[in-house]
Amino acid sequence: QPQTSRRRGAEACRQHANNYEREKFCPGPTRDLEKEKRRLQSIFAVGKEESPSSESPRKIPIQEPEASEIDHFQEVLNEIEERRQFLADMAALGQEDRYADMINTEISQRIRELDLLNKACK
């Protein structure tokens, strides 16, 4: 006698498909996402969890915007000087051609940044 396939046919599958019912999804208890964010920020910033008693609002020291702008201005000037020094060092080593375009582009970007800072201060 010939072997018959033990697989069900498509029609049989369709008939039995109605016999399966999915379980209704019930979401678990939700947590306060903002509180969770603050907890994770604390872990990443400090390296450990803060105790719940220290969740009082902290006073953030207000810096004078002019002082930070001056610091940023000086920082950009220092970056320009570093790049010029690097280019001079490379010229002394005979490698200036390799870096000149890239460094000059970076210097011009910093000069544009200085112009924007200067306009913002006025």
PDB file of N, CA and C in Angstrom:
ATOM      1  N   GLN A   1       0.843  -1.184   0.000  1.00  0.00           N
ATOM      2  CA  GLN A   1       0.000   0.000   0.000  1.00  0.00           C
ATOM      3  C   GLN A   1       0.877   1.232   0.000  1.00  0.00           C
ATOM      4  N   PRO A   2       0.511   2.260  -0.780  1.00  0.00           N
ATOM      5  CA  PRO A   2       1.335   3.461  -0.921  1.00  0.00           C
ATOM      6  C   PRO A   2       1.298   4.325   0.335  1.00  0.00           C
ATOM      7  N   GLN A   3       2.418   4.946   0.601  1.00  0.00           N
ATOM      8  CA  GLN A   3       2.503   5.848   1.760  1.00  0.00           C
ATOM      9  C   GLN A   3       1.736   7.131   1.454  1.00  0.00           C
ATOM     10  N   THR A   4       0.981   7.619   2.416  1.00  0.00           N
ATOM     11  CA  THR A   4       0.284   8.893   2.239  1.00  0.00           C
ATOM     12  C   THR A   4       0.985   9.945   3.081  1.00  0.00           C
ATOM     13  N   SER A   5       0.852  11.150   2.661  1.00  0.00           N
ATOM     14  CA  SER A   5       1.483  12.247   3.377  1.00  0.00           C
ATOM     15  C   SER A   5       0.759  12.475   4.692  1.00  0.00           C
ATOM     16  N   ARG A   6       1.501  12.743   5.727  1.00  0.00           N
ATOM     17  CA  ARG A   6       0.898  13.003   7.035  1.00  0.00           C
ATOM     18  C   ARG A   6       0.622  14.492   7.241  1.00  0.00           C
ATOM     19  N   ARG A   7       1.008  15.300   6.268  1.00  0.00           N
ATOM     20  CA  ARG A   7       0.764  16.738   6.388  1.00  0.00           C
ATOM     21  C   ARG A   7      -0.702  17.022   6.143  1.00  0.00           C
ATOM     22  N   ARG A   8      -1.220  18.034   6.862  1.00  0.00           N
ATOM     23  CA  ARG A   8      -2.609  18.427   6.657  1.00  0.00           C
ATOM     24  C   ARG A   8      -2.702  19.289   5.417  1.00  0.00           C
ATOM     25  N   GLY A   9      -3.820  19.246   4.802  1.00  0.00           N
ATOM     26  CA  GLY A   9      -4.051  20.070   3.631  1.00  0.00           C
ATOM     27  C   GLY A   9      -4.384  21.491   4.037  1.00  0.00           C
ATOM     28  N   ALA A  10      -4.389  22.391   3.069  1.00  0.00           N
ATOM     29  CA  ALA A  10      -4.661  23.801   3.332  1.00  0.00           C
ATOM     30  C   ALA A  10      -6.060  23.991   3.891  1.00  0.00           C
ATOM     31  N   GLU A  11      -7.026  23.259   3.375  1.00  0.00           N
ATOM     32  CA  GLU A  11      -8.415  23.407   3.833  1.00  0.00           C
ATOM     33  C   GLU A  11      -8.551  22.961   5.286  1.00  0.00           C
ATOM     34  N   ALA A  12      -7.884  21.900   5.660  1.00  0.00           N
ATOM     35  CA  ALA A  12      -7.940  21.412   7.036  1.00  0.00           C
ATOM     36  C   ALA A  12      -7.312  22.437   7.983  1.00  0.00           C
ATOM     37  N   CYS A  13      -6.230  23.074   7.539  1.00  0.00           N
ATOM     38  CA  CYS A  13      -5.581  24.112   8.365  1.00  0.00           C
ATOM     39  C   CYS A  13      -6.515  25.287   8.576  1.00  0.00           C
ATOM     40  N   ARG A  14      -7.214  25.680   7.517  1.00  0.00           N
ATOM     41  CA  ARG A  14      -8.135  26.816   7.634  1.00  0.00           C
ATOM     42  C   ARG A  14      -9.281  26.500   8.586  1.00  0.00           C
ATOM     43  N   GLN A  15      -9.766  25.276   8.573  1.00  0.00           N
ATOM     44  CA  GLN A  15     -10.874  24.898   9.454  1.00  0.00           C
ATOM     45  C   GLN A  15     -10.433  24.918  10.909  1.00  0.00           C
ATOM     46  N   HIS A  16      -9.221  24.464  11.160  1.00  0.00           N
ATOM     47  CA  HIS A  16      -8.735  24.393  12.535  1.00  0.00           C
ATOM     48  C   HIS A  16      -8.178  25.722  13.032  1.00  0.00           C
ATOM     49  N   ALA A  17      -7.975  26.681  12.147  1.00  0.00           N
ATOM     50  CA  ALA A  17      -7.400  27.966  12.550  1.00  0.00           C
ATOM     51  C   ALA A  17      -8.311  28.704  13.513  1.00  0.00           C
ATOM     52  N   ASN A  18      -9.598  28.486  13.403  1.00  0.00           N
ATOM     53  CA  ASN A  18     -10.541  29.182  14.286  1.00  0.00           C
ATOM     54  C   ASN A  18     -10.533  28.604  15.694  1.00  0.00           C
ATOM     55  N   ASN A  19      -9.954  27.431  15.876  1.00  0.00           N
ATOM     56  CA  ASN A  19      -9.941  26.797  17.193  1.00  0.00           C
ATOM     57  C   ASN A  19      -8.912  27.428  18.134  1.00  0.00           C
ATOM     58  N   TYR A  20      -7.949  28.166  17.571  1.00  0.00           N
ATOM     59  CA  TYR A  20      -6.907  28.782  18.385  1.00  0.00           C
ATOM     60  C   TYR A  20      -7.312  30.204  18.747  1.00  0.00           C
ATOM     61  N   GLU A  21      -7.247  30.505  20.024  1.00  0.00           N
ATOM     62  CA  GLU A  21      -7.540  31.870  20.461  1.00  0.00           C
ATOM     63  C   GLU A  21      -6.308  32.419  21.158  1.00  0.00           C
ATOM     64  N   ARG A  22      -6.009  33.640  20.829  1.00  0.00           N
ATOM     65  CA  ARG A  22      -4.870  34.288  21.472  1.00  0.00           C
ATOM     66  C   ARG A  22      -5.273  34.759  22.856  1.00  0.00           C
ATOM     67  N   GLU A  23      -4.277  34.757  23.733  1.00  0.00           N
ATOM     68  CA  GLU A  23      -4.522  35.327  25.053  1.00  0.00           C
ATOM     69  C   GLU A  23      -4.572  36.833  24.933  1.00  0.00           C
ATOM     70  N   LYS A  24      -5.449  37.444  25.698  1.00  0.00           N
ATOM     71  CA  LYS A  24      -5.557  38.893  25.693  1.00  0.00           C
ATOM     72  C   LYS A  24      -4.320  39.458  26.383  1.00  0.00           C
ATOM     73  N   PHE A  25      -3.709  40.497  25.779  1.00  0.00           N
ATOM     74  CA  PHE A  25      -2.503  41.100  26.349  1.00  0.00           C
ATOM     75  C   PHE A  25      -2.874  41.959  27.541  1.00  0.00           C
ATOM     76  N   CYS A  26      -2.230  41.700  28.655  1.00  0.00           N
ATOM     77  CA  CYS A  26      -2.426  42.512  29.853  1.00  0.00           C
ATOM     78  C   CYS A  26      -1.087  43.150  30.194  1.00  0.00           C
ATOM     79  N   PRO A  27      -0.973  44.469  30.039  1.00  0.00           N
ATOM     80  CA  PRO A  27       0.305  45.113  30.350  1.00  0.00           C
ATOM     81  C   PRO A  27       0.600  45.017  31.839  1.00  0.00           C
ATOM     82  N   GLY A  28       1.876  44.891  32.138  1.00  0.00           N
ATOM     83  CA  GLY A  28       2.291  44.809  33.527  1.00  0.00           C
ATOM     84  C   GLY A  28       2.195  46.170  34.191  1.00  0.00           C
ATOM     85  N   PRO A  29       2.555  46.239  35.438  1.00  0.00           N
ATOM     86  CA  PRO A  29       2.502  47.532  36.124  1.00  0.00           C
ATOM     87  C   PRO A  29       3.480  48.514  35.481  1.00  0.00           C
ATOM     88  N   THR A  30       3.024  49.741  35.297  1.00  0.00           N
ATOM     89  CA  THR A  30       3.879  50.744  34.669  1.00  0.00           C
ATOM     90  C   THR A  30       4.705  51.444  35.743  1.00  0.00           C
ATOM     91  N   ARG A  31       5.828  51.997  35.321  1.00  0.00           N
ATOM     92  CA  ARG A  31       6.676  52.727  36.259  1.00  0.00           C
ATOM     93  C   ARG A  31       6.757  54.181  35.809  1.00  0.00           C
ATOM     94  N   ASP A  32       7.100  55.035  36.728  1.00  0.00           N
ATOM     95  CA  ASP A  32       7.217  56.457  36.435  1.00  0.00           C
ATOM     96  C   ASP A  32       8.471  56.666  35.585  1.00  0.00           C
ATOM     97  N   LEU A  33       8.271  56.994  34.314  1.00  0.00           N
ATOM     98  CA  LEU A  33       9.402  57.098  33.388  1.00  0.00           C
ATOM     99  C   LEU A  33      10.313  58.269  33.727  1.00  0.00           C
ATOM    100  N   GLU A  34       9.755  59.380  34.162  1.00  0.00           N
ATOM    101  CA  GLU A  34      10.589  60.535  34.525  1.00  0.00           C
ATOM    102  C   GLU A  34      11.484  60.199  35.719  1.00  0.00           C
ATOM    103  N   LYS A  35      10.908  59.503  36.686  1.00  0.00           N
ATOM    104  CA  LYS A  35      11.692  59.103  37.855  1.00  0.00           C
ATOM    105  C   LYS A  35      12.802  58.136  37.436  1.00  0.00           C
ATOM    106  N   GLU A  36      12.482  57.236  36.521  1.00  0.00           N
ATOM    107  CA  GLU A  36      13.472  56.284  36.018  1.00  0.00           C
ATOM    108  C   GLU A  36      14.593  57.008  35.269  1.00  0.00           C
ATOM    109  N   LYS A  37      14.231  58.033  34.479  1.00  0.00           N
ATOM    110  CA  LYS A  37      15.243  58.812  33.757  1.00  0.00           C
ATOM    111  C   LYS A  37      16.197  59.492  34.733  1.00  0.00           C
ATOM    112  N   ARG A  38      15.628  60.117  35.772  1.00  0.00           N
ATOM    113  CA  ARG A  38      16.472  60.800  36.757  1.00  0.00           C
ATOM    114  C   ARG A  38      17.405  59.808  37.456  1.00  0.00           C
ATOM    115  N   ARG A  39      16.875  58.619  37.759  1.00  0.00           N
ATOM    116  CA  ARG A  39      17.678  57.600  38.425  1.00  0.00           C
ATOM    117  C   ARG A  39      18.847  57.174  37.532  1.00  0.00           C
ATOM    118  N   LEU A  40      18.568  56.940  36.251  1.00  0.00           N
ATOM    119  CA  LEU A  40      19.623  56.515  35.330  1.00  0.00           C
ATOM    120  C   LEU A  40      20.633  57.630  35.077  1.00  0.00           C
ATOM    121  N   GLN A  41      20.159  58.885  35.006  1.00  0.00           N
ATOM    122  CA  GLN A  41      21.083  60.009  34.855  1.00  0.00           C
ATOM    123  C   GLN A  41      22.037  60.065  36.035  1.00  0.00           C
ATOM    124  N   SER A  42      21.491  59.830  37.219  1.00  0.00           N
ATOM    125  CA  SER A  42      22.313  59.847  38.420  1.00  0.00           C
ATOM    126  C   SER A  42      23.357  58.739  38.372  1.00  0.00           C
ATOM    127  N   ILE A  43      22.934  57.568  37.925  1.00  0.00           N
ATOM    128  CA  ILE A  43      23.870  56.442  37.856  1.00  0.00           C
ATOM    129  C   ILE A  43      24.999  56.747  36.880  1.00  0.00           C
ATOM    130  N   PHE A  44      24.662  57.301  35.709  1.00  0.00           N
ATOM    131  CA  PHE A  44      25.696  57.596  34.720  1.00  0.00           C
ATOM    132  C   PHE A  44      26.582  58.759  35.153  1.00  0.00           C
ATOM    133  N   ALA A  45      26.005  59.752  35.827  1.00  0.00           N
ATOM    134  CA  ALA A  45      26.781  60.925  36.217  1.00  0.00           C
ATOM    135  C   ALA A  45      27.697  60.625  37.401  1.00  0.00           C
ATOM    136  N   VAL A  46      27.159  59.982  38.417  1.00  0.00           N
ATOM    137  CA  VAL A  46      27.889  59.783  39.659  1.00  0.00           C
ATOM    138  C   VAL A  46      28.503  58.393  39.739  1.00  0.00           C
ATOM    139  N   GLY A  47      27.894  57.439  39.058  1.00  0.00           N
ATOM    140  CA  GLY A  47      28.397  56.076  39.113  1.00  0.00           C
ATOM    141  C   GLY A  47      27.673  55.223  40.125  1.00  0.00           C
ATOM    142  N   LYS A  48      26.715  55.792  40.821  1.00  0.00           N
ATOM    143  CA  LYS A  48      25.925  55.021  41.778  1.00  0.00           C
ATOM    144  C   LYS A  48      24.548  55.659  41.898  1.00  0.00           C
ATOM    145  N   GLU A  49      23.641  54.908  42.498  1.00  0.00           N
ATOM    146  CA  GLU A  49      22.288  55.432  42.667  1.00  0.00           C
ATOM    147  C   GLU A  49      22.256  56.411  43.828  1.00  0.00           C
ATOM    148  N   GLU A  50      21.482  57.469  43.637  1.00  0.00           N
ATOM    149  CA  GLU A  50      21.309  58.409  44.742  1.00  0.00           C
ATOM    150  C   GLU A  50      20.295  57.828  45.706  1.00  0.00           C
ATOM    151  N   SER A  51      20.439  58.163  46.968  1.00  0.00           N
ATOM    152  CA  SER A  51      19.441  57.714  47.926  1.00  0.00           C
ATOM    153  C   SER A  51      18.172  58.531  47.722  1.00  0.00           C
ATOM    154  N   PRO A  52      16.999  57.960  48.008  1.00  0.00           N
ATOM    155  CA  PRO A  52      15.739  58.668  47.769  1.00  0.00           C
ATOM    156  C   PRO A  52      15.610  59.970  48.550  1.00  0.00           C
ATOM    157  N   SER A  53      16.322  60.092  49.677  1.00  0.00           N
ATOM    158  CA  SER A  53      16.219  61.307  50.475  1.00  0.00           C
ATOM    159  C   SER A  53      16.896  62.496  49.799  1.00  0.00           C
ATOM    160  N   SER A  54      17.809  62.221  48.872  1.00  0.00           N
ATOM    161  CA  SER A  54      18.540  63.315  48.242  1.00  0.00           C
ATOM    162  C   SER A  54      17.872  63.790  46.957  1.00  0.00           C
ATOM    163  N   GLU A  55      16.588  63.489  46.772  1.00  0.00           N
ATOM    164  CA  GLU A  55      15.900  63.907  45.565  1.00  0.00           C
ATOM    165  C   GLU A  55      15.328  65.314  45.674  1.00  0.00           C
ATOM    166  N   SER A  56      15.777  66.062  46.668  1.00  0.00           N
ATOM    167  CA  SER A  56      15.306  67.433  46.771  1.00  0.00           C
ATOM    168  C   SER A  56      15.874  68.236  45.607  1.00  0.00           C
ATOM    169  N   PRO A  57      15.113  69.214  45.137  1.00  0.00           N
ATOM    170  CA  PRO A  57      15.605  69.982  43.988  1.00  0.00           C
ATOM    171  C   PRO A  57      16.895  70.713  44.333  1.00  0.00           C
ATOM    172  N   ARG A  58      17.871  70.567  43.471  1.00  0.00           N
ATOM    173  CA  ARG A  58      19.163  71.203  43.706  1.00  0.00           C
ATOM    174  C   ARG A  58      19.192  72.566  43.052  1.00  0.00           C
ATOM    175  N   LYS A  59      19.907  73.467  43.677  1.00  0.00           N
ATOM    176  CA  LYS A  59      20.077  74.783  43.081  1.00  0.00           C
ATOM    177  C   LYS A  59      21.237  74.721  42.111  1.00  0.00           C
ATOM    178  N   ILE A  60      20.989  75.163  40.909  1.00  0.00           N
ATOM    179  CA  ILE A  60      22.021  75.166  39.884  1.00  0.00           C
ATOM    180  C   ILE A  60      22.699  76.525  39.915  1.00  0.00           C
ATOM    181  N   PRO A  61      24.012  76.544  40.081  1.00  0.00           N
ATOM    182  CA  PRO A  61      24.687  77.840  40.099  1.00  0.00           C
ATOM    183  C   PRO A  61      24.548  78.524  38.742  1.00  0.00           C
ATOM    184  N   ILE A  62      24.133  79.767  38.793  1.00  0.00           N
ATOM    185  CA  ILE A  62      23.930  80.525  37.560  1.00  0.00           C
ATOM    186  C   ILE A  62      25.226  81.244  37.229  1.00  0.00           C
ATOM    187  N   GLN A  63      25.763  80.929  36.064  1.00  0.00           N
ATOM    188  CA  GLN A  63      26.986  81.586  35.636  1.00  0.00           C
ATOM    189  C   GLN A  63      26.616  82.805  34.817  1.00  0.00           C
ATOM    190  N   GLU A  64      27.475  83.781  34.886  1.00  0.00           N
ATOM    191  CA  GLU A  64      27.248  84.953  34.062  1.00  0.00           C
ATOM    192  C   GLU A  64      27.469  84.559  32.613  1.00  0.00           C
ATOM    193  N   PRO A  65      26.520  84.864  31.735  1.00  0.00           N
ATOM    194  CA  PRO A  65      26.686  84.459  30.343  1.00  0.00           C
ATOM    195  C   PRO A  65      27.904  85.103  29.688  1.00  0.00           C
ATOM    196  N   GLU A  66      28.244  86.322  30.115  1.00  0.00           N
ATOM    197  CA  GLU A  66      29.386  87.000  29.519  1.00  0.00           C
ATOM    198  C   GLU A  66      30.679  86.263  29.844  1.00  0.00           C
ATOM    199  N   ALA A  67      30.800  85.771  31.075  1.00  0.00           N
ATOM    200  CA  ALA A  67      32.014  85.060  31.474  1.00  0.00           C
ATOM    201  C   ALA A  67      32.176  83.782  30.659  1.00  0.00           C
ATOM    202  N   SER A  68      31.080  83.055  30.466  1.00  0.00           N
ATOM    203  CA  SER A  68      31.186  81.809  29.702  1.00  0.00           C
ATOM    204  C   SER A  68      31.461  82.103  28.232  1.00  0.00           C
ATOM    205  N   GLU A  69      30.911  83.214  27.720  1.00  0.00           N
ATOM    206  CA  GLU A  69      31.178  83.576  26.329  1.00  0.00           C
ATOM    207  C   GLU A  69      32.646  83.965  26.153  1.00  0.00           C
ATOM    208  N   ILE A  70      33.184  84.683  27.141  1.00  0.00           N
ATOM    209  CA  ILE A  70      34.597  85.068  27.082  1.00  0.00           C
ATOM    210  C   ILE A  70      35.466  83.816  27.145  1.00  0.00           C
ATOM    211  N   ASP A  71      35.099  82.878  28.035  1.00  0.00           N
ATOM    212  CA  ASP A  71      35.850  81.628  28.129  1.00  0.00           C
ATOM    213  C   ASP A  71      35.802  80.873  26.807  1.00  0.00           C
ATOM    214  N   HIS A  72      34.627  80.821  26.210  1.00  0.00           N
ATOM    215  CA  HIS A  72      34.480  80.110  24.935  1.00  0.00           C
ATOM    216  C   HIS A  72      35.285  80.815  23.843  1.00  0.00           C
ATOM    217  N   PHE A  73      35.250  82.136  23.865  1.00  0.00           N
ATOM    218  CA  PHE A  73      36.013  82.933  22.901  1.00  0.00           C
ATOM    219  C   PHE A  73      37.500  82.604  23.026  1.00  0.00           C
ATOM    220  N   GLN A  74      37.995  82.590  24.265  1.00  0.00           N
ATOM    221  CA  GLN A  74      39.409  82.289  24.512  1.00  0.00           C
ATOM    222  C   GLN A  74      39.734  80.851  24.114  1.00  0.00           C
ATOM    223  N   GLU A  75      38.804  79.951  24.377  1.00  0.00           N
ATOM    224  CA  GLU A  75      39.010  78.547  24.014  1.00  0.00           C
ATOM    225  C   GLU A  75      39.162  78.393  22.500  1.00  0.00           C
ATOM    226  N   VAL A  76      38.330  79.101  21.746  1.00  0.00           N
ATOM    227  CA  VAL A  76      38.416  79.034  20.283  1.00  0.00           C
ATOM    228  C   VAL A  76      39.735  79.635  19.809  1.00  0.00           C
ATOM    229  N   LEU A  77      40.147  80.743  20.431  1.00  0.00           N
ATOM    230  CA  LEU A  77      41.447  81.333  20.081  1.00  0.00           C
ATOM    231  C   LEU A  77      42.584  80.346  20.344  1.00  0.00           C
ATOM    232  N   ASN A  78      42.501  79.639  21.467  1.00  0.00           N
ATOM    233  CA  ASN A  78      43.524  78.642  21.791  1.00  0.00           C
ATOM    234  C   ASN A  78      43.542  77.511  20.760  1.00  0.00           C
ATOM    235  N   GLU A  79      42.342  77.102  20.314  1.00  0.00           N
ATOM    236  CA  GLU A  79      42.269  76.041  19.304  1.00  0.00           C
ATOM    237  C   GLU A  79      42.928  76.489  17.999  1.00  0.00           C
ATOM    238  N   ILE A  80      42.693  77.747  17.620  1.00  0.00           N
ATOM    239  CA  ILE A  80      43.313  78.273  16.395  1.00  0.00           C
ATOM    240  C   ILE A  80      44.829  78.261  16.540  1.00  0.00           C
ATOM    241  N   GLU A  81      45.306  78.719  17.695  1.00  0.00           N
ATOM    242  CA  GLU A  81      46.753  78.757  17.923  1.00  0.00           C
ATOM    243  C   GLU A  81      47.358  77.352  17.901  1.00  0.00           C
ATOM    244  N   GLU A  82      46.634  76.375  18.488  1.00  0.00           N
ATOM    245  CA  GLU A  82      47.122  74.994  18.469  1.00  0.00           C
ATOM    246  C   GLU A  82      47.264  74.490  17.039  1.00  0.00           C
ATOM    247  N   ARG A  83      46.285  74.800  16.210  1.00  0.00           N
ATOM    248  CA  ARG A  83      46.325  74.336  14.820  1.00  0.00           C
ATOM    249  C   ARG A  83      47.469  75.005  14.048  1.00  0.00           C
ATOM    250  N   ARG A  84      47.685  76.291  14.309  1.00  0.00           N
ATOM    251  CA  ARG A  84      48.801  76.978  13.646  1.00  0.00           C
ATOM    252  C   ARG A  84      50.135  76.384  14.090  1.00  0.00           C
ATOM    253  N   GLN A  85      50.226  76.073  15.374  1.00  0.00           N
ATOM    254  CA  GLN A  85      51.452  75.470  15.909  1.00  0.00           C
ATOM    255  C   GLN A  85      51.673  74.086  15.303  1.00  0.00           C
ATOM    256  N   PHE A  86      50.581  73.316  15.186  1.00  0.00           N
ATOM    257  CA  PHE A  86      50.685  71.987  14.574  1.00  0.00           C
ATOM    258  C   PHE A  86      51.190  72.095  13.140  1.00  0.00           C
ATOM    259  N   LEU A  87      50.631  73.063  12.412  1.00  0.00           N
ATOM    260  CA  LEU A  87      51.041  73.252  11.019  1.00  0.00           C
ATOM    261  C   LEU A  87      52.522  73.649  10.940  1.00  0.00           C
ATOM    262  N   ALA A  88      52.967  74.496  11.870  1.00  0.00           N
ATOM    263  CA  ALA A  88      54.379  74.888  11.898  1.00  0.00           C
ATOM    264  C   ALA A  88      55.268  73.682  12.217  1.00  0.00           C
ATOM    265  N   ASP A  89      54.818  72.844  13.158  1.00  0.00           N
ATOM    266  CA  ASP A  89      55.582  71.635  13.490  1.00  0.00           C
ATOM    267  C   ASP A  89      55.683  70.701  12.291  1.00  0.00           C
ATOM    268  N   MET A  90      54.584  70.548  11.572  1.00  0.00           N
ATOM    269  CA  MET A  90      54.587  69.672  10.394  1.00  0.00           C
ATOM    270  C   MET A  90      55.479  70.245   9.288  1.00  0.00           C
ATOM    271  N   ALA A  91      55.502  71.583   9.185  1.00  0.00           N
ATOM    272  CA  ALA A  91      56.377  72.217   8.190  1.00  0.00           C
ATOM    273  C   ALA A  91      57.835  71.930   8.529  1.00  0.00           C
ATOM    274  N   ALA A  92      58.156  71.951   9.818  1.00  0.00           N
ATOM    275  CA  ALA A  92      59.528  71.664  10.241  1.00  0.00           C
ATOM    276  C   ALA A  92      59.912  70.221   9.924  1.00  0.00           C
ATOM    277  N   LEU A  93      58.920  69.331   9.929  1.00  0.00           N
ATOM    278  CA  LEU A  93      59.178  67.922   9.630  1.00  0.00           C
ATOM    279  C   LEU A  93      59.032  67.607   8.146  1.00  0.00           C
ATOM    280  N   GLY A  94      58.637  68.617   7.366  1.00  0.00           N
ATOM    281  CA  GLY A  94      58.464  68.406   5.935  1.00  0.00           C
ATOM    282  C   GLY A  94      57.139  67.753   5.577  1.00  0.00           C
ATOM    283  N   GLN A  95      56.186  67.768   6.482  1.00  0.00           N
ATOM    284  CA  GLN A  95      54.888  67.125   6.259  1.00  0.00           C
ATOM    285  C   GLN A  95      53.760  68.139   6.080  1.00  0.00           C
ATOM    286  N   GLU A  96      54.096  69.415   5.889  1.00  0.00           N
ATOM    287  CA  GLU A  96      53.088  70.473   5.834  1.00  0.00           C
ATOM    288  C   GLU A  96      52.076  70.239   4.718  1.00  0.00           C
ATOM    289  N   ASP A  97      52.528  69.782   3.557  1.00  0.00           N
ATOM    290  CA  ASP A  97      51.635  69.592   2.413  1.00  0.00           C
ATOM    291  C   ASP A  97      50.509  68.615   2.731  1.00  0.00           C
ATOM    292  N   ARG A  98      50.815  67.627   3.548  1.00  0.00           N
ATOM    293  CA  ARG A  98      49.832  66.605   3.893  1.00  0.00           C
ATOM    294  C   ARG A  98      48.671  67.172   4.697  1.00  0.00           C
ATOM    295  N   TYR A  99      48.946  68.135   5.568  1.00  0.00           N
ATOM    296  CA  TYR A  99      47.961  68.618   6.526  1.00  0.00           C
ATOM    297  C   TYR A  99      47.463  70.036   6.259  1.00  0.00           C
ATOM    298  N   ALA A 100      48.096  70.771   5.370  1.00  0.00           N
ATOM    299  CA  ALA A 100      47.816  72.200   5.210  1.00  0.00           C
ATOM    300  C   ALA A 100      46.348  72.476   4.901  1.00  0.00           C
ATOM    301  N   ASP A 101      45.772  71.775   3.928  1.00  0.00           N
ATOM    302  CA  ASP A 101      44.379  72.043   3.555  1.00  0.00           C
ATOM    303  C   ASP A 101      43.425  71.776   4.714  1.00  0.00           C
ATOM    304  N   MET A 102      43.608  70.642   5.367  1.00  0.00           N
ATOM    305  CA  MET A 102      42.716  70.266   6.461  1.00  0.00           C
ATOM    306  C   MET A 102      42.822  71.265   7.617  1.00  0.00           C
ATOM    307  N   ILE A 103      44.027  71.612   8.009  1.00  0.00           N
ATOM    308  CA  ILE A 103      44.228  72.512   9.146  1.00  0.00           C
ATOM    309  C   ILE A 103      43.739  73.919   8.819  1.00  0.00           C
ATOM    310  N   ASN A 104      44.014  74.400   7.606  1.00  0.00           N
ATOM    311  CA  ASN A 104      43.532  75.730   7.227  1.00  0.00           C
ATOM    312  C   ASN A 104      42.007  75.780   7.198  1.00  0.00           C
ATOM    313  N   THR A 105      41.371  74.695   6.784  1.00  0.00           N
ATOM    314  CA  THR A 105      39.907  74.634   6.816  1.00  0.00           C
ATOM    315  C   THR A 105      39.409  74.717   8.248  1.00  0.00           C
ATOM    316  N   GLU A 106      40.041  73.961   9.150  1.00  0.00           N
ATOM    317  CA  GLU A 106      39.642  74.001  10.557  1.00  0.00           C
ATOM    318  C   GLU A 106      39.851  75.389  11.148  1.00  0.00           C
ATOM    319  N   ILE A 107      40.944  76.041  10.792  1.00  0.00           N
ATOM    320  CA  ILE A 107      41.211  77.394  11.296  1.00  0.00           C
ATOM    321  C   ILE A 107      40.136  78.353  10.798  1.00  0.00           C
ATOM    322  N   SER A 108      39.761  78.251   9.521  1.00  0.00           N
ATOM    323  CA  SER A 108      38.728  79.155   8.995  1.00  0.00           C
ATOM    324  C   SER A 108      37.385  78.889   9.664  1.00  0.00           C
ATOM    325  N   GLN A 109      37.108  77.627  10.011  1.00  0.00           N
ATOM    326  CA  GLN A 109      35.870  77.329  10.741  1.00  0.00           C
ATOM    327  C   GLN A 109      35.891  77.986  12.114  1.00  0.00           C
ATOM    328  N   ARG A 110      37.027  77.931  12.782  1.00  0.00           N
ATOM    329  CA  ARG A 110      37.132  78.546  14.111  1.00  0.00           C
ATOM    330  C   ARG A 110      37.000  80.066  14.014  1.00  0.00           C
ATOM    331  N   ILE A 111      37.544  80.652  12.945  1.00  0.00           N
ATOM    332  CA  ILE A 111      37.432  82.106  12.769  1.00  0.00           C
ATOM    333  C   ILE A 111      35.970  82.487  12.563  1.00  0.00           C
ATOM    334  N   ARG A 112      35.243  81.686  11.786  1.00  0.00           N
ATOM    335  CA  ARG A 112      33.802  81.941  11.610  1.00  0.00           C
ATOM    336  C   ARG A 112      33.071  81.829  12.939  1.00  0.00           C
ATOM    337  N   GLU A 113      33.470  80.849  13.744  1.00  0.00           N
ATOM    338  CA  GLU A 113      32.861  80.683  15.064  1.00  0.00           C
ATOM    339  C   GLU A 113      33.132  81.908  15.936  1.00  0.00           C
ATOM    340  N   LEU A 114      34.350  82.455  15.849  1.00  0.00           N
ATOM    341  CA  LEU A 114      34.679  83.674  16.591  1.00  0.00           C
ATOM    342  C   LEU A 114      33.817  84.846  16.131  1.00  0.00           C
ATOM    343  N   ASP A 115      33.608  84.958  14.817  1.00  0.00           N
ATOM    344  CA  ASP A 115      32.755  86.032  14.294  1.00  0.00           C
ATOM    345  C   ASP A 115      31.341  85.921  14.847  1.00  0.00           C
ATOM    346  N   LEU A 116      30.819  84.695  14.884  1.00  0.00           N
ATOM    347  CA  LEU A 116      29.468  84.497  15.417  1.00  0.00           C
ATOM    348  C   LEU A 116      29.404  84.850  16.896  1.00  0.00           C
ATOM    349  N   LEU A 117      30.432  84.460  17.646  1.00  0.00           N
ATOM    350  CA  LEU A 117      30.469  84.803  19.069  1.00  0.00           C
ATOM    351  C   LEU A 117      30.551  86.310  19.264  1.00  0.00           C
ATOM    352  N   ASN A 118      31.338  86.961  18.417  1.00  0.00           N
ATOM    353  CA  ASN A 118      31.496  88.406  18.503  1.00  0.00           C
ATOM    354  C   ASN A 118      30.167  89.106  18.230  1.00  0.00           C
ATOM    355  N   LYS A 119      29.435  88.629  17.214  1.00  0.00           N
ATOM    356  CA  LYS A 119      28.128  89.219  16.899  1.00  0.00           C
ATOM    357  C   LYS A 119      27.131  88.971  18.021  1.00  0.00           C
ATOM    358  N   ALA A 120      27.203  87.802  18.662  1.00  0.00           N
ATOM    359  CA  ALA A 120      26.284  87.474  19.749  1.00  0.00           C
ATOM    360  C   ALA A 120      26.544  88.345  20.975  1.00  0.00           C
ATOM    361  N   CYS A 121      27.794  88.751  21.173  1.00  0.00           N
ATOM    362  CA  CYS A 121      28.142  89.587  22.329  1.00  0.00           C
ATOM    363  C   CYS A 121      27.651  91.020  22.165  1.00  0.00           C
ATOM    364  N   LYS A 122      27.531  91.464  20.923  1.00  0.00           N
ATOM    365  CA  LYS A 122      27.147  92.862  20.685  1.00  0.00           C
ATOM    366  C   LYS A 122      25.682  93.092  20.880  1.00  0.00           C
TER     367      LYS A 122
END
